[in-house]
Amino acid sequence: VSAHRPVRADAPPPVAATVATGVL
């Protein structure tokens, strides 16, 4: 993943996706 889409420690957290996961 880091080679194709770097995962940054300071990237904005996926708040909307996390809330949507909570709904499911």
PDBML (XML) file of the C-alpha atoms, coordinates in Angstrom:
<?xml version="1.0" encoding="UTF-8" ?>
<PDBx:datablock datablockName="MODEL"
   xmlns:PDBx="http://pdbml.pdb.org/schema/pdbx-v50.xsd"
   xmlns:xsi="http://www.w3.org/2001/XMLSchema-instance"
   xsi:schemaLocation="http://pdbml.pdb.org/schema/pdbx-v50.xsd pdbx-v50.xsd">
   <PDBx:atom_siteCategory>
      <PDBx:atom_site id="1">
         <PDBx:B_iso_or_equiv>0.00</PDBx:B_iso_or_equiv>
         <PDBx:Cartn_x>0.000</PDBx:Cartn_x>
         <PDBx:Cartn_y>0.000</PDBx:Cartn_y>
         <PDBx:Cartn_z>0.000</PDBx:Cartn_z>
         <PDBx:auth_asym_id>A</PDBx:auth_asym_id>
         <PDBx:auth_atom_id>CA</PDBx:auth_atom_id>
         <PDBx:auth_comp_id>VAL</PDBx:auth_comp_id>
         <PDBx:auth_seq_id>1</PDBx:auth_seq_id>
         <PDBx:group_PDB>ATOM</PDBx:group_PDB>
         <PDBx:label_alt_id xsi:nil="true" />
         <PDBx:label_asym_id>A</PDBx:label_asym_id>
         <PDBx:label_atom_id>CA</PDBx:label_atom_id>
         <PDBx:label_comp_id>VAL</PDBx:label_comp_id>
         <PDBx:label_entity_id>1</PDBx:label_entity_id>
         <PDBx:label_seq_id>1</PDBx:label_seq_id>
         <PDBx:occupancy>1.00</PDBx:occupancy>
         <PDBx:pdbx_PDB_model_num>1</PDBx:pdbx_PDB_model_num>
         <PDBx:type_symbol>C</PDBx:type_symbol>
      </PDBx:atom_site>
      <PDBx:atom_site id="2">
         <PDBx:B_iso_or_equiv>0.00</PDBx:B_iso_or_equiv>
         <PDBx:Cartn_x>2.787</PDBx:Cartn_x>
         <PDBx:Cartn_y>2.424</PDBx:Cartn_y>
         <PDBx:Cartn_z>0.876</PDBx:Cartn_z>
         <PDBx:auth_asym_id>A</PDBx:auth_asym_id>
         <PDBx:auth_atom_id>CA</PDBx:auth_atom_id>
         <PDBx:auth_comp_id>SER</PDBx:auth_comp_id>
         <PDBx:auth_seq_id>2</PDBx:auth_seq_id>
         <PDBx:group_PDB>ATOM</PDBx:group_PDB>
         <PDBx:label_alt_id xsi:nil="true" />
         <PDBx:label_asym_id>A</PDBx:label_asym_id>
         <PDBx:label_atom_id>CA</PDBx:label_atom_id>
         <PDBx:label_comp_id>SER</PDBx:label_comp_id>
         <PDBx:label_entity_id>1</PDBx:label_entity_id>
         <PDBx:label_seq_id>2</PDBx:label_seq_id>
         <PDBx:occupancy>1.00</PDBx:occupancy>
         <PDBx:pdbx_PDB_model_num>1</PDBx:pdbx_PDB_model_num>
         <PDBx:type_symbol>C</PDBx:type_symbol>
      </PDBx:atom_site>
      <PDBx:atom_site id="3">
         <PDBx:B_iso_or_equiv>0.00</PDBx:B_iso_or_equiv>
         <PDBx:Cartn_x>4.356</PDBx:Cartn_x>
         <PDBx:Cartn_y>1.783</PDBx:Cartn_y>
         <PDBx:Cartn_z>-2.517</PDBx:Cartn_z>
         <PDBx:auth_asym_id>A</PDBx:auth_asym_id>
         <PDBx:auth_atom_id>CA</PDBx:auth_atom_id>
         <PDBx:auth_comp_id>ALA</PDBx:auth_comp_id>
         <PDBx:auth_seq_id>3</PDBx:auth_seq_id>
         <PDBx:group_PDB>ATOM</PDBx:group_PDB>
         <PDBx:label_alt_id xsi:nil="true" />
         <PDBx:label_asym_id>A</PDBx:label_asym_id>
         <PDBx:label_atom_id>CA</PDBx:label_atom_id>
         <PDBx:label_comp_id>ALA</PDBx:label_comp_id>
         <PDBx:label_entity_id>1</PDBx:label_entity_id>
         <PDBx:label_seq_id>3</PDBx:label_seq_id>
         <PDBx:occupancy>1.00</PDBx:occupancy>
         <PDBx:pdbx_PDB_model_num>1</PDBx:pdbx_PDB_model_num>
         <PDBx:type_symbol>C</PDBx:type_symbol>
      </PDBx:atom_site>
      <PDBx:atom_site id="4">
         <PDBx:B_iso_or_equiv>0.00</PDBx:B_iso_or_equiv>
         <PDBx:Cartn_x>1.136</PDBx:Cartn_x>
         <PDBx:Cartn_y>2.533</PDBx:Cartn_y>
         <PDBx:Cartn_z>-4.408</PDBx:Cartn_z>
         <PDBx:auth_asym_id>A</PDBx:auth_asym_id>
         <PDBx:auth_atom_id>CA</PDBx:auth_atom_id>
         <PDBx:auth_comp_id>HIS</PDBx:auth_comp_id>
         <PDBx:auth_seq_id>4</PDBx:auth_seq_id>
         <PDBx:group_PDB>ATOM</PDBx:group_PDB>
         <PDBx:label_alt_id xsi:nil="true" />
         <PDBx:label_asym_id>A</PDBx:label_asym_id>
         <PDBx:label_atom_id>CA</PDBx:label_atom_id>
         <PDBx:label_comp_id>HIS</PDBx:label_comp_id>
         <PDBx:label_entity_id>1</PDBx:label_entity_id>
         <PDBx:label_seq_id>4</PDBx:label_seq_id>
         <PDBx:occupancy>1.00</PDBx:occupancy>
         <PDBx:pdbx_PDB_model_num>1</PDBx:pdbx_PDB_model_num>
         <PDBx:type_symbol>C</PDBx:type_symbol>
      </PDBx:atom_site>
      <PDBx:atom_site id="5">
         <PDBx:B_iso_or_equiv>0.00</PDBx:B_iso_or_equiv>
         <PDBx:Cartn_x>-0.696</PDBx:Cartn_x>
         <PDBx:Cartn_y>4.880</PDBx:Cartn_y>
         <PDBx:Cartn_z>-1.994</PDBx:Cartn_z>
         <PDBx:auth_asym_id>A</PDBx:auth_asym_id>
         <PDBx:auth_atom_id>CA</PDBx:auth_atom_id>
         <PDBx:auth_comp_id>ARG</PDBx:auth_comp_id>
         <PDBx:auth_seq_id>5</PDBx:auth_seq_id>
         <PDBx:group_PDB>ATOM</PDBx:group_PDB>
         <PDBx:label_alt_id xsi:nil="true" />
         <PDBx:label_asym_id>A</PDBx:label_asym_id>
         <PDBx:label_atom_id>CA</PDBx:label_atom_id>
         <PDBx:label_comp_id>ARG</PDBx:label_comp_id>
         <PDBx:label_entity_id>1</PDBx:label_entity_id>
         <PDBx:label_seq_id>5</PDBx:label_seq_id>
         <PDBx:occupancy>1.00</PDBx:occupancy>
         <PDBx:pdbx_PDB_model_num>1</PDBx:pdbx_PDB_model_num>
         <PDBx:type_symbol>C</PDBx:type_symbol>
      </PDBx:atom_site>
      <PDBx:atom_site id="6">
         <PDBx:B_iso_or_equiv>0.00</PDBx:B_iso_or_equiv>
         <PDBx:Cartn_x>1.490</PDBx:Cartn_x>
         <PDBx:Cartn_y>6.051</PDBx:Cartn_y>
         <PDBx:Cartn_z>0.878</PDBx:Cartn_z>
         <PDBx:auth_asym_id>A</PDBx:auth_asym_id>
         <PDBx:auth_atom_id>CA</PDBx:auth_atom_id>
         <PDBx:auth_comp_id>PRO</PDBx:auth_comp_id>
         <PDBx:auth_seq_id>6</PDBx:auth_seq_id>
         <PDBx:group_PDB>ATOM</PDBx:group_PDB>
         <PDBx:label_alt_id xsi:nil="true" />
         <PDBx:label_asym_id>A</PDBx:label_asym_id>
         <PDBx:label_atom_id>CA</PDBx:label_atom_id>
         <PDBx:label_comp_id>PRO</PDBx:label_comp_id>
         <PDBx:label_entity_id>1</PDBx:label_entity_id>
         <PDBx:label_seq_id>6</PDBx:label_seq_id>
         <PDBx:occupancy>1.00</PDBx:occupancy>
         <PDBx:pdbx_PDB_model_num>1</PDBx:pdbx_PDB_model_num>
         <PDBx:type_symbol>C</PDBx:type_symbol>
      </PDBx:atom_site>
      <PDBx:atom_site id="7">
         <PDBx:B_iso_or_equiv>0.00</PDBx:B_iso_or_equiv>
         <PDBx:Cartn_x>-0.205</PDBx:Cartn_x>
         <PDBx:Cartn_y>5.760</PDBx:Cartn_y>
         <PDBx:Cartn_z>4.280</PDBx:Cartn_z>
         <PDBx:auth_asym_id>A</PDBx:auth_asym_id>
         <PDBx:auth_atom_id>CA</PDBx:auth_atom_id>
         <PDBx:auth_comp_id>VAL</PDBx:auth_comp_id>
         <PDBx:auth_seq_id>7</PDBx:auth_seq_id>
         <PDBx:group_PDB>ATOM</PDBx:group_PDB>
         <PDBx:label_alt_id xsi:nil="true" />
         <PDBx:label_asym_id>A</PDBx:label_asym_id>
         <PDBx:label_atom_id>CA</PDBx:label_atom_id>
         <PDBx:label_comp_id>VAL</PDBx:label_comp_id>
         <PDBx:label_entity_id>1</PDBx:label_entity_id>
         <PDBx:label_seq_id>7</PDBx:label_seq_id>
         <PDBx:occupancy>1.00</PDBx:occupancy>
         <PDBx:pdbx_PDB_model_num>1</PDBx:pdbx_PDB_model_num>
         <PDBx:type_symbol>C</PDBx:type_symbol>
      </PDBx:atom_site>
      <PDBx:atom_site id="8">
         <PDBx:B_iso_or_equiv>0.00</PDBx:B_iso_or_equiv>
         <PDBx:Cartn_x>0.712</PDBx:Cartn_x>
         <PDBx:Cartn_y>8.892</PDBx:Cartn_y>
         <PDBx:Cartn_z>6.201</PDBx:Cartn_z>
         <PDBx:auth_asym_id>A</PDBx:auth_asym_id>
         <PDBx:auth_atom_id>CA</PDBx:auth_atom_id>
         <PDBx:auth_comp_id>ARG</PDBx:auth_comp_id>
         <PDBx:auth_seq_id>8</PDBx:auth_seq_id>
         <PDBx:group_PDB>ATOM</PDBx:group_PDB>
         <PDBx:label_alt_id xsi:nil="true" />
         <PDBx:label_asym_id>A</PDBx:label_asym_id>
         <PDBx:label_atom_id>CA</PDBx:label_atom_id>
         <PDBx:label_comp_id>ARG</PDBx:label_comp_id>
         <PDBx:label_entity_id>1</PDBx:label_entity_id>
         <PDBx:label_seq_id>8</PDBx:label_seq_id>
         <PDBx:occupancy>1.00</PDBx:occupancy>
         <PDBx:pdbx_PDB_model_num>1</PDBx:pdbx_PDB_model_num>
         <PDBx:type_symbol>C</PDBx:type_symbol>
      </PDBx:atom_site>
      <PDBx:atom_site id="9">
         <PDBx:B_iso_or_equiv>0.00</PDBx:B_iso_or_equiv>
         <PDBx:Cartn_x>0.516</PDBx:Cartn_x>
         <PDBx:Cartn_y>8.991</PDBx:Cartn_y>
         <PDBx:Cartn_z>9.966</PDBx:Cartn_z>
         <PDBx:auth_asym_id>A</PDBx:auth_asym_id>
         <PDBx:auth_atom_id>CA</PDBx:auth_atom_id>
         <PDBx:auth_comp_id>ALA</PDBx:auth_comp_id>
         <PDBx:auth_seq_id>9</PDBx:auth_seq_id>
         <PDBx:group_PDB>ATOM</PDBx:group_PDB>
         <PDBx:label_alt_id xsi:nil="true" />
         <PDBx:label_asym_id>A</PDBx:label_asym_id>
         <PDBx:label_atom_id>CA</PDBx:label_atom_id>
         <PDBx:label_comp_id>ALA</PDBx:label_comp_id>
         <PDBx:label_entity_id>1</PDBx:label_entity_id>
         <PDBx:label_seq_id>9</PDBx:label_seq_id>
         <PDBx:occupancy>1.00</PDBx:occupancy>
         <PDBx:pdbx_PDB_model_num>1</PDBx:pdbx_PDB_model_num>
         <PDBx:type_symbol>C</PDBx:type_symbol>
      </PDBx:atom_site>
      <PDBx:atom_site id="10">
         <PDBx:B_iso_or_equiv>0.00</PDBx:B_iso_or_equiv>
         <PDBx:Cartn_x>-0.619</PDBx:Cartn_x>
         <PDBx:Cartn_y>12.638</PDBx:Cartn_y>
         <PDBx:Cartn_z>9.810</PDBx:Cartn_z>
         <PDBx:auth_asym_id>A</PDBx:auth_asym_id>
         <PDBx:auth_atom_id>CA</PDBx:auth_atom_id>
         <PDBx:auth_comp_id>ASP</PDBx:auth_comp_id>
         <PDBx:auth_seq_id>10</PDBx:auth_seq_id>
         <PDBx:group_PDB>ATOM</PDBx:group_PDB>
         <PDBx:label_alt_id xsi:nil="true" />
         <PDBx:label_asym_id>A</PDBx:label_asym_id>
         <PDBx:label_atom_id>CA</PDBx:label_atom_id>
         <PDBx:label_comp_id>ASP</PDBx:label_comp_id>
         <PDBx:label_entity_id>1</PDBx:label_entity_id>
         <PDBx:label_seq_id>10</PDBx:label_seq_id>
         <PDBx:occupancy>1.00</PDBx:occupancy>
         <PDBx:pdbx_PDB_model_num>1</PDBx:pdbx_PDB_model_num>
         <PDBx:type_symbol>C</PDBx:type_symbol>
      </PDBx:atom_site>
      <PDBx:atom_site id="11">
         <PDBx:B_iso_or_equiv>0.00</PDBx:B_iso_or_equiv>
         <PDBx:Cartn_x>-3.360</PDBx:Cartn_x>
         <PDBx:Cartn_y>12.024</PDBx:Cartn_y>
         <PDBx:Cartn_z>7.217</PDBx:Cartn_z>
         <PDBx:auth_asym_id>A</PDBx:auth_asym_id>
         <PDBx:auth_atom_id>CA</PDBx:auth_atom_id>
         <PDBx:auth_comp_id>ALA</PDBx:auth_comp_id>
         <PDBx:auth_seq_id>11</PDBx:auth_seq_id>
         <PDBx:group_PDB>ATOM</PDBx:group_PDB>
         <PDBx:label_alt_id xsi:nil="true" />
         <PDBx:label_asym_id>A</PDBx:label_asym_id>
         <PDBx:label_atom_id>CA</PDBx:label_atom_id>
         <PDBx:label_comp_id>ALA</PDBx:label_comp_id>
         <PDBx:label_entity_id>1</PDBx:label_entity_id>
         <PDBx:label_seq_id>11</PDBx:label_seq_id>
         <PDBx:occupancy>1.00</PDBx:occupancy>
         <PDBx:pdbx_PDB_model_num>1</PDBx:pdbx_PDB_model_num>
         <PDBx:type_symbol>C</PDBx:type_symbol>
      </PDBx:atom_site>
      <PDBx:atom_site id="12">
         <PDBx:B_iso_or_equiv>0.00</PDBx:B_iso_or_equiv>
         <PDBx:Cartn_x>-6.897</PDBx:Cartn_x>
         <PDBx:Cartn_y>13.238</PDBx:Cartn_y>
         <PDBx:Cartn_z>8.151</PDBx:Cartn_z>
         <PDBx:auth_asym_id>A</PDBx:auth_asym_id>
         <PDBx:auth_atom_id>CA</PDBx:auth_atom_id>
         <PDBx:auth_comp_id>PRO</PDBx:auth_comp_id>
         <PDBx:auth_seq_id>12</PDBx:auth_seq_id>
         <PDBx:group_PDB>ATOM</PDBx:group_PDB>
         <PDBx:label_alt_id xsi:nil="true" />
         <PDBx:label_asym_id>A</PDBx:label_asym_id>
         <PDBx:label_atom_id>CA</PDBx:label_atom_id>
         <PDBx:label_comp_id>PRO</PDBx:label_comp_id>
         <PDBx:label_entity_id>1</PDBx:label_entity_id>
         <PDBx:label_seq_id>12</PDBx:label_seq_id>
         <PDBx:occupancy>1.00</PDBx:occupancy>
         <PDBx:pdbx_PDB_model_num>1</PDBx:pdbx_PDB_model_num>
         <PDBx:type_symbol>C</PDBx:type_symbol>
      </PDBx:atom_site>
      <PDBx:atom_site id="13">
         <PDBx:B_iso_or_equiv>0.00</PDBx:B_iso_or_equiv>
         <PDBx:Cartn_x>-8.853</PDBx:Cartn_x>
         <PDBx:Cartn_y>10.467</PDBx:Cartn_y>
         <PDBx:Cartn_z>9.910</PDBx:Cartn_z>
         <PDBx:auth_asym_id>A</PDBx:auth_asym_id>
         <PDBx:auth_atom_id>CA</PDBx:auth_atom_id>
         <PDBx:auth_comp_id>PRO</PDBx:auth_comp_id>
         <PDBx:auth_seq_id>13</PDBx:auth_seq_id>
         <PDBx:group_PDB>ATOM</PDBx:group_PDB>
         <PDBx:label_alt_id xsi:nil="true" />
         <PDBx:label_asym_id>A</PDBx:label_asym_id>
         <PDBx:label_atom_id>CA</PDBx:label_atom_id>
         <PDBx:label_comp_id>PRO</PDBx:label_comp_id>
         <PDBx:label_entity_id>1</PDBx:label_entity_id>
         <PDBx:label_seq_id>13</PDBx:label_seq_id>
         <PDBx:occupancy>1.00</PDBx:occupancy>
         <PDBx:pdbx_PDB_model_num>1</PDBx:pdbx_PDB_model_num>
         <PDBx:type_symbol>C</PDBx:type_symbol>
      </PDBx:atom_site>
      <PDBx:atom_site id="14">
         <PDBx:B_iso_or_equiv>0.00</PDBx:B_iso_or_equiv>
         <PDBx:Cartn_x>-11.724</PDBx:Cartn_x>
         <PDBx:Cartn_y>8.911</PDBx:Cartn_y>
         <PDBx:Cartn_z>7.905</PDBx:Cartn_z>
         <PDBx:auth_asym_id>A</PDBx:auth_asym_id>
         <PDBx:auth_atom_id>CA</PDBx:auth_atom_id>
         <PDBx:auth_comp_id>PRO</PDBx:auth_comp_id>
         <PDBx:auth_seq_id>14</PDBx:auth_seq_id>
         <PDBx:group_PDB>ATOM</PDBx:group_PDB>
         <PDBx:label_alt_id xsi:nil="true" />
         <PDBx:label_asym_id>A</PDBx:label_asym_id>
         <PDBx:label_atom_id>CA</PDBx:label_atom_id>
         <PDBx:label_comp_id>PRO</PDBx:label_comp_id>
         <PDBx:label_entity_id>1</PDBx:label_entity_id>
         <PDBx:label_seq_id>14</PDBx:label_seq_id>
         <PDBx:occupancy>1.00</PDBx:occupancy>
         <PDBx:pdbx_PDB_model_num>1</PDBx:pdbx_PDB_model_num>
         <PDBx:type_symbol>C</PDBx:type_symbol>
      </PDBx:atom_site>
      <PDBx:atom_site id="15">
         <PDBx:B_iso_or_equiv>0.00</PDBx:B_iso_or_equiv>
         <PDBx:Cartn_x>-14.459</PDBx:Cartn_x>
         <PDBx:Cartn_y>10.228</PDBx:Cartn_y>
         <PDBx:Cartn_z>10.221</PDBx:Cartn_z>
         <PDBx:auth_asym_id>A</PDBx:auth_asym_id>
         <PDBx:auth_atom_id>CA</PDBx:auth_atom_id>
         <PDBx:auth_comp_id>VAL</PDBx:auth_comp_id>
         <PDBx:auth_seq_id>15</PDBx:auth_seq_id>
         <PDBx:group_PDB>ATOM</PDBx:group_PDB>
         <PDBx:label_alt_id xsi:nil="true" />
         <PDBx:label_asym_id>A</PDBx:label_asym_id>
         <PDBx:label_atom_id>CA</PDBx:label_atom_id>
         <PDBx:label_comp_id>VAL</PDBx:label_comp_id>
         <PDBx:label_entity_id>1</PDBx:label_entity_id>
         <PDBx:label_seq_id>15</PDBx:label_seq_id>
         <PDBx:occupancy>1.00</PDBx:occupancy>
         <PDBx:pdbx_PDB_model_num>1</PDBx:pdbx_PDB_model_num>
         <PDBx:type_symbol>C</PDBx:type_symbol>
      </PDBx:atom_site>
      <PDBx:atom_site id="16">
         <PDBx:B_iso_or_equiv>0.00</PDBx:B_iso_or_equiv>
         <PDBx:Cartn_x>-17.397</PDBx:Cartn_x>
         <PDBx:Cartn_y>9.867</PDBx:Cartn_y>
         <PDBx:Cartn_z>7.794</PDBx:Cartn_z>
         <PDBx:auth_asym_id>A</PDBx:auth_asym_id>
         <PDBx:auth_atom_id>CA</PDBx:auth_atom_id>
         <PDBx:auth_comp_id>ALA</PDBx:auth_comp_id>
         <PDBx:auth_seq_id>16</PDBx:auth_seq_id>
         <PDBx:group_PDB>ATOM</PDBx:group_PDB>
         <PDBx:label_alt_id xsi:nil="true" />
         <PDBx:label_asym_id>A</PDBx:label_asym_id>
         <PDBx:label_atom_id>CA</PDBx:label_atom_id>
         <PDBx:label_comp_id>ALA</PDBx:label_comp_id>
         <PDBx:label_entity_id>1</PDBx:label_entity_id>
         <PDBx:label_seq_id>16</PDBx:label_seq_id>
         <PDBx:occupancy>1.00</PDBx:occupancy>
         <PDBx:pdbx_PDB_model_num>1</PDBx:pdbx_PDB_model_num>
         <PDBx:type_symbol>C</PDBx:type_symbol>
      </PDBx:atom_site>
      <PDBx:atom_site id="17">
         <PDBx:B_iso_or_equiv>0.00</PDBx:B_iso_or_equiv>
         <PDBx:Cartn_x>-16.421</PDBx:Cartn_x>
         <PDBx:Cartn_y>6.318</PDBx:Cartn_y>
         <PDBx:Cartn_z>6.837</PDBx:Cartn_z>
         <PDBx:auth_asym_id>A</PDBx:auth_asym_id>
         <PDBx:auth_atom_id>CA</PDBx:auth_atom_id>
         <PDBx:auth_comp_id>ALA</PDBx:auth_comp_id>
         <PDBx:auth_seq_id>17</PDBx:auth_seq_id>
         <PDBx:group_PDB>ATOM</PDBx:group_PDB>
         <PDBx:label_alt_id xsi:nil="true" />
         <PDBx:label_asym_id>A</PDBx:label_asym_id>
         <PDBx:label_atom_id>CA</PDBx:label_atom_id>
         <PDBx:label_comp_id>ALA</PDBx:label_comp_id>
         <PDBx:label_entity_id>1</PDBx:label_entity_id>
         <PDBx:label_seq_id>17</PDBx:label_seq_id>
         <PDBx:occupancy>1.00</PDBx:occupancy>
         <PDBx:pdbx_PDB_model_num>1</PDBx:pdbx_PDB_model_num>
         <PDBx:type_symbol>C</PDBx:type_symbol>
      </PDBx:atom_site>
      <PDBx:atom_site id="18">
         <PDBx:B_iso_or_equiv>0.00</PDBx:B_iso_or_equiv>
         <PDBx:Cartn_x>-16.012</PDBx:Cartn_x>
         <PDBx:Cartn_y>5.400</PDBx:Cartn_y>
         <PDBx:Cartn_z>10.507</PDBx:Cartn_z>
         <PDBx:auth_asym_id>A</PDBx:auth_asym_id>
         <PDBx:auth_atom_id>CA</PDBx:auth_atom_id>
         <PDBx:auth_comp_id>THR</PDBx:auth_comp_id>
         <PDBx:auth_seq_id>18</PDBx:auth_seq_id>
         <PDBx:group_PDB>ATOM</PDBx:group_PDB>
         <PDBx:label_alt_id xsi:nil="true" />
         <PDBx:label_asym_id>A</PDBx:label_asym_id>
         <PDBx:label_atom_id>CA</PDBx:label_atom_id>
         <PDBx:label_comp_id>THR</PDBx:label_comp_id>
         <PDBx:label_entity_id>1</PDBx:label_entity_id>
         <PDBx:label_seq_id>18</PDBx:label_seq_id>
         <PDBx:occupancy>1.00</PDBx:occupancy>
         <PDBx:pdbx_PDB_model_num>1</PDBx:pdbx_PDB_model_num>
         <PDBx:type_symbol>C</PDBx:type_symbol>
      </PDBx:atom_site>
      <PDBx:atom_site id="19">
         <PDBx:B_iso_or_equiv>0.00</PDBx:B_iso_or_equiv>
         <PDBx:Cartn_x>-19.478</PDBx:Cartn_x>
         <PDBx:Cartn_y>6.711</PDBx:Cartn_y>
         <PDBx:Cartn_z>11.402</PDBx:Cartn_z>
         <PDBx:auth_asym_id>A</PDBx:auth_asym_id>
         <PDBx:auth_atom_id>CA</PDBx:auth_atom_id>
         <PDBx:auth_comp_id>VAL</PDBx:auth_comp_id>
         <PDBx:auth_seq_id>19</PDBx:auth_seq_id>
         <PDBx:group_PDB>ATOM</PDBx:group_PDB>
         <PDBx:label_alt_id xsi:nil="true" />
         <PDBx:label_asym_id>A</PDBx:label_asym_id>
         <PDBx:label_atom_id>CA</PDBx:label_atom_id>
         <PDBx:label_comp_id>VAL</PDBx:label_comp_id>
         <PDBx:label_entity_id>1</PDBx:label_entity_id>
         <PDBx:label_seq_id>19</PDBx:label_seq_id>
         <PDBx:occupancy>1.00</PDBx:occupancy>
         <PDBx:pdbx_PDB_model_num>1</PDBx:pdbx_PDB_model_num>
         <PDBx:type_symbol>C</PDBx:type_symbol>
      </PDBx:atom_site>
      <PDBx:atom_site id="20">
         <PDBx:B_iso_or_equiv>0.00</PDBx:B_iso_or_equiv>
         <PDBx:Cartn_x>-20.974</PDBx:Cartn_x>
         <PDBx:Cartn_y>4.884</PDBx:Cartn_y>
         <PDBx:Cartn_z>8.401</PDBx:Cartn_z>
         <PDBx:auth_asym_id>A</PDBx:auth_asym_id>
         <PDBx:auth_atom_id>CA</PDBx:auth_atom_id>
         <PDBx:auth_comp_id>ALA</PDBx:auth_comp_id>
         <PDBx:auth_seq_id>20</PDBx:auth_seq_id>
         <PDBx:group_PDB>ATOM</PDBx:group_PDB>
         <PDBx:label_alt_id xsi:nil="true" />
         <PDBx:label_asym_id>A</PDBx:label_asym_id>
         <PDBx:label_atom_id>CA</PDBx:label_atom_id>
         <PDBx:label_comp_id>ALA</PDBx:label_comp_id>
         <PDBx:label_entity_id>1</PDBx:label_entity_id>
         <PDBx:label_seq_id>20</PDBx:label_seq_id>
         <PDBx:occupancy>1.00</PDBx:occupancy>
         <PDBx:pdbx_PDB_model_num>1</PDBx:pdbx_PDB_model_num>
         <PDBx:type_symbol>C</PDBx:type_symbol>
      </PDBx:atom_site>
      <PDBx:atom_site id="21">
         <PDBx:B_iso_or_equiv>0.00</PDBx:B_iso_or_equiv>
         <PDBx:Cartn_x>-19.276</PDBx:Cartn_x>
         <PDBx:Cartn_y>1.695</PDBx:Cartn_y>
         <PDBx:Cartn_z>9.552</PDBx:Cartn_z>
         <PDBx:auth_asym_id>A</PDBx:auth_asym_id>
         <PDBx:auth_atom_id>CA</PDBx:auth_atom_id>
         <PDBx:auth_comp_id>THR</PDBx:auth_comp_id>
         <PDBx:auth_seq_id>21</PDBx:auth_seq_id>
         <PDBx:group_PDB>ATOM</PDBx:group_PDB>
         <PDBx:label_alt_id xsi:nil="true" />
         <PDBx:label_asym_id>A</PDBx:label_asym_id>
         <PDBx:label_atom_id>CA</PDBx:label_atom_id>
         <PDBx:label_comp_id>THR</PDBx:label_comp_id>
         <PDBx:label_entity_id>1</PDBx:label_entity_id>
         <PDBx:label_seq_id>21</PDBx:label_seq_id>
         <PDBx:occupancy>1.00</PDBx:occupancy>
         <PDBx:pdbx_PDB_model_num>1</PDBx:pdbx_PDB_model_num>
         <PDBx:type_symbol>C</PDBx:type_symbol>
      </PDBx:atom_site>
      <PDBx:atom_site id="22">
         <PDBx:B_iso_or_equiv>0.00</PDBx:B_iso_or_equiv>
         <PDBx:Cartn_x>-20.860</PDBx:Cartn_x>
         <PDBx:Cartn_y>2.223</PDBx:Cartn_y>
         <PDBx:Cartn_z>12.957</PDBx:Cartn_z>
         <PDBx:auth_asym_id>A</PDBx:auth_asym_id>
         <PDBx:auth_atom_id>CA</PDBx:auth_atom_id>
         <PDBx:auth_comp_id>GLY</PDBx:auth_comp_id>
         <PDBx:auth_seq_id>22</PDBx:auth_seq_id>
         <PDBx:group_PDB>ATOM</PDBx:group_PDB>
         <PDBx:label_alt_id xsi:nil="true" />
         <PDBx:label_asym_id>A</PDBx:label_asym_id>
         <PDBx:label_atom_id>CA</PDBx:label_atom_id>
         <PDBx:label_comp_id>GLY</PDBx:label_comp_id>
         <PDBx:label_entity_id>1</PDBx:label_entity_id>
         <PDBx:label_seq_id>22</PDBx:label_seq_id>
         <PDBx:occupancy>1.00</PDBx:occupancy>
         <PDBx:pdbx_PDB_model_num>1</PDBx:pdbx_PDB_model_num>
         <PDBx:type_symbol>C</PDBx:type_symbol>
      </PDBx:atom_site>
      <PDBx:atom_site id="23">
         <PDBx:B_iso_or_equiv>0.00</PDBx:B_iso_or_equiv>
         <PDBx:Cartn_x>-24.310</PDBx:Cartn_x>
         <PDBx:Cartn_y>2.404</PDBx:Cartn_y>
         <PDBx:Cartn_z>11.329</PDBx:Cartn_z>
         <PDBx:auth_asym_id>A</PDBx:auth_asym_id>
         <PDBx:auth_atom_id>CA</PDBx:auth_atom_id>
         <PDBx:auth_comp_id>VAL</PDBx:auth_comp_id>
         <PDBx:auth_seq_id>23</PDBx:auth_seq_id>
         <PDBx:group_PDB>ATOM</PDBx:group_PDB>
         <PDBx:label_alt_id xsi:nil="true" />
         <PDBx:label_asym_id>A</PDBx:label_asym_id>
         <PDBx:label_atom_id>CA</PDBx:label_atom_id>
         <PDBx:label_comp_id>VAL</PDBx:label_comp_id>
         <PDBx:label_entity_id>1</PDBx:label_entity_id>
         <PDBx:label_seq_id>23</PDBx:label_seq_id>
         <PDBx:occupancy>1.00</PDBx:occupancy>
         <PDBx:pdbx_PDB_model_num>1</PDBx:pdbx_PDB_model_num>
         <PDBx:type_symbol>C</PDBx:type_symbol>
      </PDBx:atom_site>
      <PDBx:atom_site id="24">
         <PDBx:B_iso_or_equiv>0.00</PDBx:B_iso_or_equiv>
         <PDBx:Cartn_x>-23.730</PDBx:Cartn_x>
         <PDBx:Cartn_y>-0.941</PDBx:Cartn_y>
         <PDBx:Cartn_z>9.595</PDBx:Cartn_z>
         <PDBx:auth_asym_id>A</PDBx:auth_asym_id>
         <PDBx:auth_atom_id>CA</PDBx:auth_atom_id>
         <PDBx:auth_comp_id>LEU</PDBx:auth_comp_id>
         <PDBx:auth_seq_id>24</PDBx:auth_seq_id>
         <PDBx:group_PDB>ATOM</PDBx:group_PDB>
         <PDBx:label_alt_id xsi:nil="true" />
         <PDBx:label_asym_id>A</PDBx:label_asym_id>
         <PDBx:label_atom_id>CA</PDBx:label_atom_id>
         <PDBx:label_comp_id>LEU</PDBx:label_comp_id>
         <PDBx:label_entity_id>1</PDBx:label_entity_id>
         <PDBx:label_seq_id>24</PDBx:label_seq_id>
         <PDBx:occupancy>1.00</PDBx:occupancy>
         <PDBx:pdbx_PDB_model_num>1</PDBx:pdbx_PDB_model_num>
         <PDBx:type_symbol>C</PDBx:type_symbol>
      </PDBx:atom_site>
   </PDBx:atom_siteCategory>
</PDBx:datablock>
